[in-house]
Amino acid sequence: MRSKTLVRPPAPRTTPKPAAGGRVSWTVVLLSSLAIVGVTLATYAQGRLPIDSSGGGLSSTYADRPLAVQIVFYVHVVTGSLALLLGPFQFSTALRRRSLATHRWVGRLYVTAIAVASTAAFVMAFFSSIAFNGFFGFGSLALLWAWTTWRGYRAVREGDLDSHRAWMIRSFALTYAAVTLRTWLGVLIALQLLASGGDLDGEQAYDTAYGVLPFLCWLPNIVVAEFLVRRRGLPSYRLCPAPATDPTPDPHRTTT
């Protein structure tokens, strides 16, 4: 009589819960994004540039520009704020599980907002107050912002969810430059004032700090994004690609 072999059924696959550190990081990103969106919209909600050309600040760069340039500025503020507002929620696993349809529609709105905001940002780069540094720094940011977002959208349309997640991490890292720009600005101004013992003029400290922000506001973000992509096992870029291996055995190779 043939004996039967009992095969244990595979254990049900469980999805690991997000670590507490991940929830804390997500909360920090969400709150900081909401804070910047709130401050930005409150500043420009009156429909005019409140700071004149002699008052300093970002808007002073555009206060005396033609009306078309000011309109581009406002378009960037509104659509960029929308992208910054929506971005954190797209990385919430709980919200994505609750309603995948909502995740998709919010994602489409996020992509549309960046398509408009990045175009406006590239136009604004031509009018940067710090000339070539601002043009190349903010211009590169605008182009990469649009490109990473487009790659993420194209990946999900092709059904490549891992690449979609990787590209959207990079996309939001560039969206989050709105937060890191203001964070670095405050840190650099404070360091200059502390180093000078309070003798340095605040406007001079602002100008010096702002001079490095066109690149500083987003380059570290990309490094962090790529670290997160690799840690999650998603497709990532490598400076030195892994050597190709030939799976076909060599018949002339001798083994000992």
C-alpha atoms as a PDB file:
ATOM      1  CA  MET A   1       0.000   0.000   0.000  1.00  0.00           C
ATOM      2  CA  ARG A   2       1.438   3.352  -1.081  1.00  0.00           C
ATOM      3  CA  SER A   3       1.963   5.747   1.789  1.00  0.00           C
ATOM      4  CA  LYS A   4       0.786   9.278   1.500  1.00  0.00           C
ATOM      5  CA  THR A   5       3.050  12.201   2.226  1.00  0.00           C
ATOM      6  CA  LEU A   6       1.443  15.012   4.103  1.00  0.00           C
ATOM      7  CA  VAL A   7       2.368  18.416   2.756  1.00  0.00           C
ATOM      8  CA  ARG A   8       1.987  21.305   5.124  1.00  0.00           C
ATOM      9  CA  PRO A   9       0.121  24.201   3.480  1.00  0.00           C
ATOM     10  CA  PRO A  10       2.136  27.400   3.160  1.00  0.00           C
ATOM     11  CA  ALA A  11       1.658  29.907   5.922  1.00  0.00           C
ATOM     12  CA  PRO A  12      -0.492  32.862   4.978  1.00  0.00           C
ATOM     13  CA  ARG A  13       1.557  35.806   3.829  1.00  0.00           C
ATOM     14  CA  THR A  14       1.353  38.758   6.134  1.00  0.00           C
ATOM     15  CA  THR A  15       2.251  42.289   5.307  1.00  0.00           C
ATOM     16  CA  PRO A  16       4.663  43.728   7.869  1.00  0.00           C
ATOM     17  CA  LYS A  17       3.427  46.677   9.804  1.00  0.00           C
ATOM     18  CA  PRO A  18       5.287  49.934   9.298  1.00  0.00           C
ATOM     19  CA  ALA A  19       7.942  50.545  11.915  1.00  0.00           C
ATOM     20  CA  ALA A  20       7.372  53.168  14.568  1.00  0.00           C
ATOM     21  CA  GLY A  21      10.291  55.174  13.195  1.00  0.00           C
ATOM     22  CA  GLY A  22       8.644  55.236   9.788  1.00  0.00           C
ATOM     23  CA  ARG A  23       5.404  56.566  11.251  1.00  0.00           C
ATOM     24  CA  VAL A  24       7.275  59.272  13.136  1.00  0.00           C
ATOM     25  CA  SER A  25       9.193  60.299  10.007  1.00  0.00           C
ATOM     26  CA  TRP A  26       5.979  60.396   7.975  1.00  0.00           C
ATOM     27  CA  THR A  27       4.321  62.556  10.642  1.00  0.00           C
ATOM     28  CA  VAL A  28       7.258  64.980  10.665  1.00  0.00           C
ATOM     29  CA  VAL A  29       7.166  65.242   6.869  1.00  0.00           C
ATOM     30  CA  LEU A  30       3.394  65.755   6.900  1.00  0.00           C
ATOM     31  CA  LEU A  31       3.406  68.441   9.592  1.00  0.00           C
ATOM     32  CA  SER A  32       6.335  70.333   8.080  1.00  0.00           C
ATOM     33  CA  SER A  33       4.679  70.218   4.656  1.00  0.00           C
ATOM     34  CA  LEU A  34       1.391  71.497   6.071  1.00  0.00           C
ATOM     35  CA  ALA A  35       3.237  74.274   7.906  1.00  0.00           C
ATOM     36  CA  ILE A  36       4.994  75.507   4.762  1.00  0.00           C
ATOM     37  CA  VAL A  37       1.781  75.298   2.726  1.00  0.00           C
ATOM     38  CA  GLY A  38      -0.094  77.263   5.382  1.00  0.00           C
ATOM     39  CA  VAL A  39       2.533  79.977   5.699  1.00  0.00           C
ATOM     40  CA  THR A  40       2.970  80.289   1.932  1.00  0.00           C
ATOM     41  CA  LEU A  41      -0.718  80.537   1.100  1.00  0.00           C
ATOM     42  CA  ALA A  42      -1.357  82.924   3.995  1.00  0.00           C
ATOM     43  CA  THR A  43       1.458  85.164   2.784  1.00  0.00           C
ATOM     44  CA  TYR A  44       0.195  85.424  -0.787  1.00  0.00           C
ATOM     45  CA  ALA A  45      -3.560  84.953  -0.259  1.00  0.00           C
ATOM     46  CA  GLN A  46      -4.162  88.679  -0.783  1.00  0.00           C
ATOM     47  CA  GLY A  47      -3.418  88.278  -4.474  1.00  0.00           C
ATOM     48  CA  ARG A  48      -0.477  90.676  -4.540  1.00  0.00           C
ATOM     49  CA  LEU A  49       3.223  90.598  -3.724  1.00  0.00           C
ATOM     50  CA  PRO A  50       3.253  92.092  -0.212  1.00  0.00           C
ATOM     51  CA  ILE A  51       6.955  92.870  -0.101  1.00  0.00           C
ATOM     52  CA  ASP A  52       8.250  95.609  -2.360  1.00  0.00           C
ATOM     53  CA  SER A  53      11.534  95.537  -4.167  1.00  0.00           C
ATOM     54  CA  SER A  54      13.390  97.102  -1.244  1.00  0.00           C
ATOM     55  CA  GLY A  55      11.949  94.870   1.459  1.00  0.00           C
ATOM     56  CA  GLY A  56      13.903  91.694   0.840  1.00  0.00           C
ATOM     57  CA  GLY A  57      12.554  88.173   0.730  1.00  0.00           C
ATOM     58  CA  LEU A  58      11.625  85.904  -2.138  1.00  0.00           C
ATOM     59  CA  SER A  59       8.714  87.946  -3.433  1.00  0.00           C
ATOM     60  CA  SER A  60      10.869  91.063  -3.732  1.00  0.00           C
ATOM     61  CA  THR A  61      12.505  89.390  -6.731  1.00  0.00           C
ATOM     62  CA  TYR A  62       9.185  89.463  -8.574  1.00  0.00           C
ATOM     63  CA  ALA A  63       7.606  92.626  -7.162  1.00  0.00           C
ATOM     64  CA  ASP A  64       8.893  94.774 -10.025  1.00  0.00           C
ATOM     65  CA  ARG A  65       8.663  92.124 -12.739  1.00  0.00           C
ATOM     66  CA  PRO A  66       6.132  92.276 -15.587  1.00  0.00           C
ATOM     67  CA  LEU A  67       2.619  91.080 -14.804  1.00  0.00           C
ATOM     68  CA  ALA A  68       3.129  87.860 -16.773  1.00  0.00           C
ATOM     69  CA  VAL A  69       6.100  86.908 -14.581  1.00  0.00           C
ATOM     70  CA  GLN A  70       4.124  87.650 -11.420  1.00  0.00           C
ATOM     71  CA  ILE A  71       1.299  85.434 -12.679  1.00  0.00           C
ATOM     72  CA  VAL A  72       3.800  82.618 -13.244  1.00  0.00           C
ATOM     73  CA  PHE A  73       5.032  83.165  -9.687  1.00  0.00           C
ATOM     74  CA  TYR A  74       1.514  82.799  -8.262  1.00  0.00           C
ATOM     75  CA  VAL A  75       0.810  79.746 -10.417  1.00  0.00           C
ATOM     76  CA  HIS A  76       3.952  78.122  -9.027  1.00  0.00           C
ATOM     77  CA  VAL A  77       2.977  79.004  -5.448  1.00  0.00           C
ATOM     78  CA  VAL A  78      -0.519  77.524  -5.761  1.00  0.00           C
ATOM     79  CA  THR A  79       0.306  74.358  -7.701  1.00  0.00           C
ATOM     80  CA  GLY A  80       3.537  73.722  -5.801  1.00  0.00           C
ATOM     81  CA  SER A  81       1.648  74.056  -2.510  1.00  0.00           C
ATOM     82  CA  LEU A  82      -0.954  71.592  -3.782  1.00  0.00           C
ATOM     83  CA  ALA A  83       1.738  69.041  -4.646  1.00  0.00           C
ATOM     84  CA  LEU A  84       3.399  69.511  -1.248  1.00  0.00           C
ATOM     85  CA  LEU A  85       0.024  69.084   0.456  1.00  0.00           C
ATOM     86  CA  LEU A  86      -0.906  65.886  -1.403  1.00  0.00           C
ATOM     87  CA  GLY A  87       2.495  64.206  -1.464  1.00  0.00           C
ATOM     88  CA  PRO A  88       2.699  62.837   2.099  1.00  0.00           C
ATOM     89  CA  PHE A  89      -0.718  61.186   1.873  1.00  0.00           C
ATOM     90  CA  GLN A  90       0.396  59.190  -1.173  1.00  0.00           C
ATOM     91  CA  PHE A  91       2.948  57.410   1.029  1.00  0.00           C
ATOM     92  CA  SER A  92       0.413  56.431   3.698  1.00  0.00           C
ATOM     93  CA  THR A  93      -0.060  52.648   3.539  1.00  0.00           C
ATOM     94  CA  ALA A  94      -3.254  52.834   5.600  1.00  0.00           C
ATOM     95  CA  LEU A  95      -4.863  55.365   3.296  1.00  0.00           C
ATOM     96  CA  ARG A  96      -3.805  53.432   0.208  1.00  0.00           C
ATOM     97  CA  ARG A  97      -5.323  50.205   1.546  1.00  0.00           C
ATOM     98  CA  ARG A  98      -8.522  51.931   2.561  1.00  0.00           C
ATOM     99  CA  SER A  99      -9.242  53.300  -0.900  1.00  0.00           C
ATOM    100  CA  LEU A 100      -6.997  52.501  -3.839  1.00  0.00           C
ATOM    101  CA  ALA A 101      -9.244  54.566  -6.113  1.00  0.00           C
ATOM    102  CA  THR A 102      -8.666  57.644  -3.943  1.00  0.00           C
ATOM    103  CA  HIS A 103      -4.926  56.995  -4.024  1.00  0.00           C
ATOM    104  CA  ARG A 104      -5.013  56.917  -7.812  1.00  0.00           C
ATOM    105  CA  TRP A 105      -7.051  60.087  -8.213  1.00  0.00           C
ATOM    106  CA  VAL A 106      -4.931  61.976  -5.689  1.00  0.00           C
ATOM    107  CA  GLY A 107      -1.873  60.721  -7.560  1.00  0.00           C
ATOM    108  CA  ARG A 108      -3.203  62.088 -10.837  1.00  0.00           C
ATOM    109  CA  LEU A 109      -3.816  65.440  -9.176  1.00  0.00           C
ATOM    110  CA  TYR A 110      -0.290  65.364  -7.709  1.00  0.00           C
ATOM    111  CA  VAL A 111       1.229  64.681 -11.136  1.00  0.00           C
ATOM    112  CA  THR A 112      -0.841  67.434 -12.759  1.00  0.00           C
ATOM    113  CA  ALA A 113       0.122  69.937 -10.065  1.00  0.00           C
ATOM    114  CA  ILE A 114       3.817  69.180 -10.560  1.00  0.00           C
ATOM    115  CA  ALA A 115       3.512  69.399 -14.340  1.00  0.00           C
ATOM    116  CA  VAL A 116       2.284  72.980 -13.943  1.00  0.00           C
ATOM    117  CA  ALA A 117       4.465  73.930 -10.960  1.00  0.00           C
ATOM    118  CA  SER A 118       7.700  72.643 -12.492  1.00  0.00           C
ATOM    119  CA  THR A 119       7.029  74.492 -15.741  1.00  0.00           C
ATOM    120  CA  ALA A 120       6.412  77.698 -13.810  1.00  0.00           C
ATOM    121  CA  ALA A 121       9.537  77.068 -11.712  1.00  0.00           C
ATOM    122  CA  PHE A 122      11.676  76.707 -14.817  1.00  0.00           C
ATOM    123  CA  VAL A 123      10.371  80.024 -16.153  1.00  0.00           C
ATOM    124  CA  MET A 124      11.042  81.673 -12.784  1.00  0.00           C
ATOM    125  CA  ALA A 125      14.636  80.417 -12.851  1.00  0.00           C
ATOM    126  CA  PHE A 126      15.367  82.894 -15.645  1.00  0.00           C
ATOM    127  CA  PHE A 127      14.492  85.747 -13.254  1.00  0.00           C
ATOM    128  CA  SER A 128      16.405  84.513 -10.206  1.00  0.00           C
ATOM    129  CA  SER A 129      17.958  87.248  -8.084  1.00  0.00           C
ATOM    130  CA  ILE A 130      21.261  85.351  -7.910  1.00  0.00           C
ATOM    131  CA  ALA A 131      21.831  85.108 -11.654  1.00  0.00           C
ATOM    132  CA  PHE A 132      23.522  81.989 -13.034  1.00  0.00           C
ATOM    133  CA  ASN A 133      23.661  80.183  -9.701  1.00  0.00           C
ATOM    134  CA  GLY A 134      19.918  80.548  -9.306  1.00  0.00           C
ATOM    135  CA  PHE A 135      19.190  79.707 -12.930  1.00  0.00           C
ATOM    136  CA  PHE A 136      21.208  76.487 -12.980  1.00  0.00           C
ATOM    137  CA  GLY A 137      20.247  75.416  -9.453  1.00  0.00           C
ATOM    138  CA  PHE A 138      16.521  76.113  -9.555  1.00  0.00           C
ATOM    139  CA  GLY A 139      16.324  75.318 -13.270  1.00  0.00           C
ATOM    140  CA  SER A 140      17.858  71.886 -12.700  1.00  0.00           C
ATOM    141  CA  LEU A 141      15.468  71.323  -9.816  1.00  0.00           C
ATOM    142  CA  ALA A 142      12.482  72.158 -12.028  1.00  0.00           C
ATOM    143  CA  LEU A 143      13.586  69.795 -14.800  1.00  0.00           C
ATOM    144  CA  LEU A 144      14.369  66.912 -12.448  1.00  0.00           C
ATOM    145  CA  TRP A 145      11.107  67.499 -10.606  1.00  0.00           C
ATOM    146  CA  ALA A 146       9.127  67.085 -13.810  1.00  0.00           C
ATOM    147  CA  TRP A 147      11.249  64.152 -15.027  1.00  0.00           C
ATOM    148  CA  THR A 148      11.077  62.044 -11.848  1.00  0.00           C
ATOM    149  CA  THR A 149       7.331  62.598 -11.596  1.00  0.00           C
ATOM    150  CA  TRP A 150       6.816  61.616 -15.220  1.00  0.00           C
ATOM    151  CA  ARG A 151       8.906  58.463 -14.738  1.00  0.00           C
ATOM    152  CA  GLY A 152       6.811  57.524 -11.728  1.00  0.00           C
ATOM    153  CA  TYR A 153       3.571  58.057 -13.630  1.00  0.00           C
ATOM    154  CA  ARG A 154       4.813  56.111 -16.653  1.00  0.00           C
ATOM    155  CA  ALA A 155       5.971  53.219 -14.457  1.00  0.00           C
ATOM    156  CA  VAL A 156       2.559  52.752 -12.854  1.00  0.00           C
ATOM    157  CA  ARG A 157       0.885  52.950 -16.250  1.00  0.00           C
ATOM    158  CA  GLU A 158       3.147  50.095 -17.362  1.00  0.00           C
ATOM    159  CA  GLY A 159       2.312  48.077 -14.249  1.00  0.00           C
ATOM    160  CA  ASP A 160       5.803  48.357 -12.742  1.00  0.00           C
ATOM    161  CA  LEU A 161       4.812  49.167  -9.167  1.00  0.00           C
ATOM    162  CA  ASP A 162       8.314  48.882  -7.688  1.00  0.00           C
ATOM    163  CA  SER A 163       9.725  51.416 -10.146  1.00  0.00           C
ATOM    164  CA  HIS A 164       6.655  53.584  -9.571  1.00  0.00           C
ATOM    165  CA  ARG A 165       7.328  53.697  -5.832  1.00  0.00           C
ATOM    166  CA  ALA A 166      11.027  54.404  -6.369  1.00  0.00           C
ATOM    167  CA  TRP A 167      10.414  57.285  -8.768  1.00  0.00           C
ATOM    168  CA  MET A 168       7.705  58.795  -6.597  1.00  0.00           C
ATOM    169  CA  ILE A 169      10.065  58.791  -3.619  1.00  0.00           C
ATOM    170  CA  ARG A 170      12.501  60.779  -5.745  1.00  0.00           C
ATOM    171  CA  SER A 171       9.702  63.032  -6.986  1.00  0.00           C
ATOM    172  CA  PHE A 172       8.515  63.938  -3.506  1.00  0.00           C
ATOM    173  CA  ALA A 173      12.098  64.452  -2.338  1.00  0.00           C
ATOM    174  CA  LEU A 174      12.239  67.277  -4.882  1.00  0.00           C
ATOM    175  CA  THR A 175       8.764  68.513  -3.933  1.00  0.00           C
ATOM    176  CA  TYR A 176       9.982  68.649  -0.332  1.00  0.00           C
ATOM    177  CA  ALA A 177      12.688  71.098  -1.408  1.00  0.00           C
ATOM    178  CA  ALA A 178      10.118  73.782  -0.553  1.00  0.00           C
ATOM    179  CA  VAL A 179      10.560  72.762   3.085  1.00  0.00           C
ATOM    180  CA  THR A 180      14.296  72.129   3.103  1.00  0.00           C
ATOM    181  CA  LEU A 181      14.976  75.445   1.345  1.00  0.00           C
ATOM    182  CA  ARG A 182      13.400  77.363   4.209  1.00  0.00           C
ATOM    183  CA  THR A 183      14.992  75.088   6.800  1.00  0.00           C
ATOM    184  CA  TRP A 184      18.494  75.539   5.391  1.00  0.00           C
ATOM    185  CA  LEU A 185      17.889  79.271   5.052  1.00  0.00           C
ATOM    186  CA  GLY A 186      17.085  79.613   8.747  1.00  0.00           C
ATOM    187  CA  VAL A 187      19.986  77.397   9.804  1.00  0.00           C
ATOM    188  CA  LEU A 188      22.561  79.215   7.669  1.00  0.00           C
ATOM    189  CA  ILE A 189      21.396  82.650   8.789  1.00  0.00           C
ATOM    190  CA  ALA A 190      21.522  81.578  12.443  1.00  0.00           C
ATOM    191  CA  LEU A 191      25.018  80.113  12.054  1.00  0.00           C
ATOM    192  CA  GLN A 192      26.308  83.307  10.459  1.00  0.00           C
ATOM    193  CA  LEU A 193      24.822  85.480  13.186  1.00  0.00           C
ATOM    194  CA  LEU A 194      26.265  83.243  15.899  1.00  0.00           C
ATOM    195  CA  ALA A 195      29.693  83.167  14.257  1.00  0.00           C
ATOM    196  CA  SER A 196      29.751  86.952  13.974  1.00  0.00           C
ATOM    197  CA  GLY A 197      28.597  87.486  17.526  1.00  0.00           C
ATOM    198  CA  GLY A 198      25.525  89.319  16.295  1.00  0.00           C
ATOM    199  CA  ASP A 199      27.526  91.958  14.424  1.00  0.00           C
ATOM    200  CA  LEU A 200      26.488  90.724  10.981  1.00  0.00           C
ATOM    201  CA  ASP A 201      23.606  92.491   9.308  1.00  0.00           C
ATOM    202  CA  GLY A 202      20.540  90.265   8.903  1.00  0.00           C
ATOM    203  CA  GLU A 203      20.018  91.192   5.263  1.00  0.00           C
ATOM    204  CA  GLN A 204      23.635  90.388   4.464  1.00  0.00           C
ATOM    205  CA  ALA A 205      23.301  87.041   6.229  1.00  0.00           C
ATOM    206  CA  TYR A 206      20.176  86.334   4.171  1.00  0.00           C
ATOM    207  CA  ASP A 207      21.902  87.132   0.885  1.00  0.00           C
ATOM    208  CA  THR A 208      24.900  84.944   1.734  1.00  0.00           C
ATOM    209  CA  ALA A 209      22.731  82.021   2.813  1.00  0.00           C
ATOM    210  CA  TYR A 210      20.408  82.286  -0.169  1.00  0.00           C
ATOM    211  CA  GLY A 211      23.360  82.130  -2.544  1.00  0.00           C
ATOM    212  CA  VAL A 212      23.924  78.413  -1.886  1.00  0.00           C
ATOM    213  CA  LEU A 213      20.279  77.366  -1.636  1.00  0.00           C
ATOM    214  CA  PRO A 214      19.589  76.760  -5.356  1.00  0.00           C
ATOM    215  CA  PHE A 215      21.530  73.492  -5.020  1.00  0.00           C
ATOM    216  CA  LEU A 216      21.550  72.889  -1.261  1.00  0.00           C
ATOM    217  CA  CYS A 217      17.748  72.784  -1.057  1.00  0.00           C
ATOM    218  CA  TRP A 218      17.453  69.634  -3.182  1.00  0.00           C
ATOM    219  CA  LEU A 219      20.772  67.786  -3.612  1.00  0.00           C
ATOM    220  CA  PRO A 220      20.749  66.301  -0.067  1.00  0.00           C
ATOM    221  CA  ASN A 221      17.100  65.348  -0.600  1.00  0.00           C
ATOM    222  CA  ILE A 222      18.030  63.222  -3.605  1.00  0.00           C
ATOM    223  CA  VAL A 223      20.743  61.455  -1.590  1.00  0.00           C
ATOM    224  CA  VAL A 224      18.246  60.653   1.176  1.00  0.00           C
ATOM    225  CA  ALA A 225      15.669  59.524  -1.385  1.00  0.00           C
ATOM    226  CA  GLU A 226      18.114  57.107  -3.013  1.00  0.00           C
ATOM    227  CA  PHE A 227      19.006  55.730   0.417  1.00  0.00           C
ATOM    228  CA  LEU A 228      15.317  55.071   1.110  1.00  0.00           C
ATOM    229  CA  VAL A 229      14.853  53.482  -2.305  1.00  0.00           C
ATOM    230  CA  ARG A 230      17.706  51.023  -1.708  1.00  0.00           C
ATOM    231  CA  ARG A 231      16.665  50.273   1.864  1.00  0.00           C
ATOM    232  CA  ARG A 232      13.211  49.271   0.614  1.00  0.00           C
ATOM    233  CA  GLY A 233      14.676  47.034  -2.068  1.00  0.00           C
ATOM    234  CA  LEU A 234      13.326  49.129  -4.930  1.00  0.00           C
ATOM    235  CA  PRO A 235      15.083  49.703  -8.277  1.00  0.00           C
ATOM    236  CA  SER A 236      17.918  52.150  -7.692  1.00  0.00           C
ATOM    237  CA  TYR A 237      20.740  53.818  -9.557  1.00  0.00           C
ATOM    238  CA  ARG A 238      24.322  52.647  -9.148  1.00  0.00           C
ATOM    239  CA  LEU A 239      27.424  54.536 -10.188  1.00  0.00           C
ATOM    240  CA  CYS A 240      29.163  51.235 -11.003  1.00  0.00           C
ATOM    241  CA  PRO A 241      26.790  48.600 -12.409  1.00  0.00           C
ATOM    242  CA  ALA A 242      27.213  45.036 -11.240  1.00  0.00           C
ATOM    243  CA  PRO A 243      29.323  42.900 -13.593  1.00  0.00           C
ATOM    244  CA  ALA A 244      27.303  40.752 -15.947  1.00  0.00           C
ATOM    245  CA  THR A 245      27.415  37.019 -15.335  1.00  0.00           C
ATOM    246  CA  ASP A 246      27.059  34.396 -18.039  1.00  0.00           C
ATOM    247  CA  PRO A 247      24.725  31.624 -16.851  1.00  0.00           C
ATOM    248  CA  THR A 248      25.944  29.281 -19.640  1.00  0.00           C
ATOM    249  CA  PRO A 249      28.693  26.951 -18.343  1.00  0.00           C
ATOM    250  CA  ASP A 250      31.991  26.904 -20.219  1.00  0.00           C
ATOM    251  CA  PRO A 251      32.544  23.380 -21.628  1.00  0.00           C
ATOM    252  CA  HIS A 252      36.322  23.939 -21.803  1.00  0.00           C
ATOM    253  CA  ARG A 253      36.592  24.981 -18.174  1.00  0.00           C
ATOM    254  CA  THR A 254      38.065  22.332 -15.912  1.00  0.00           C
ATOM    255  CA  THR A 255      37.079  21.921 -12.327  1.00  0.00           C
ATOM    256  CA  THR A 256      39.005  20.328  -9.529  1.00  0.00           C
END
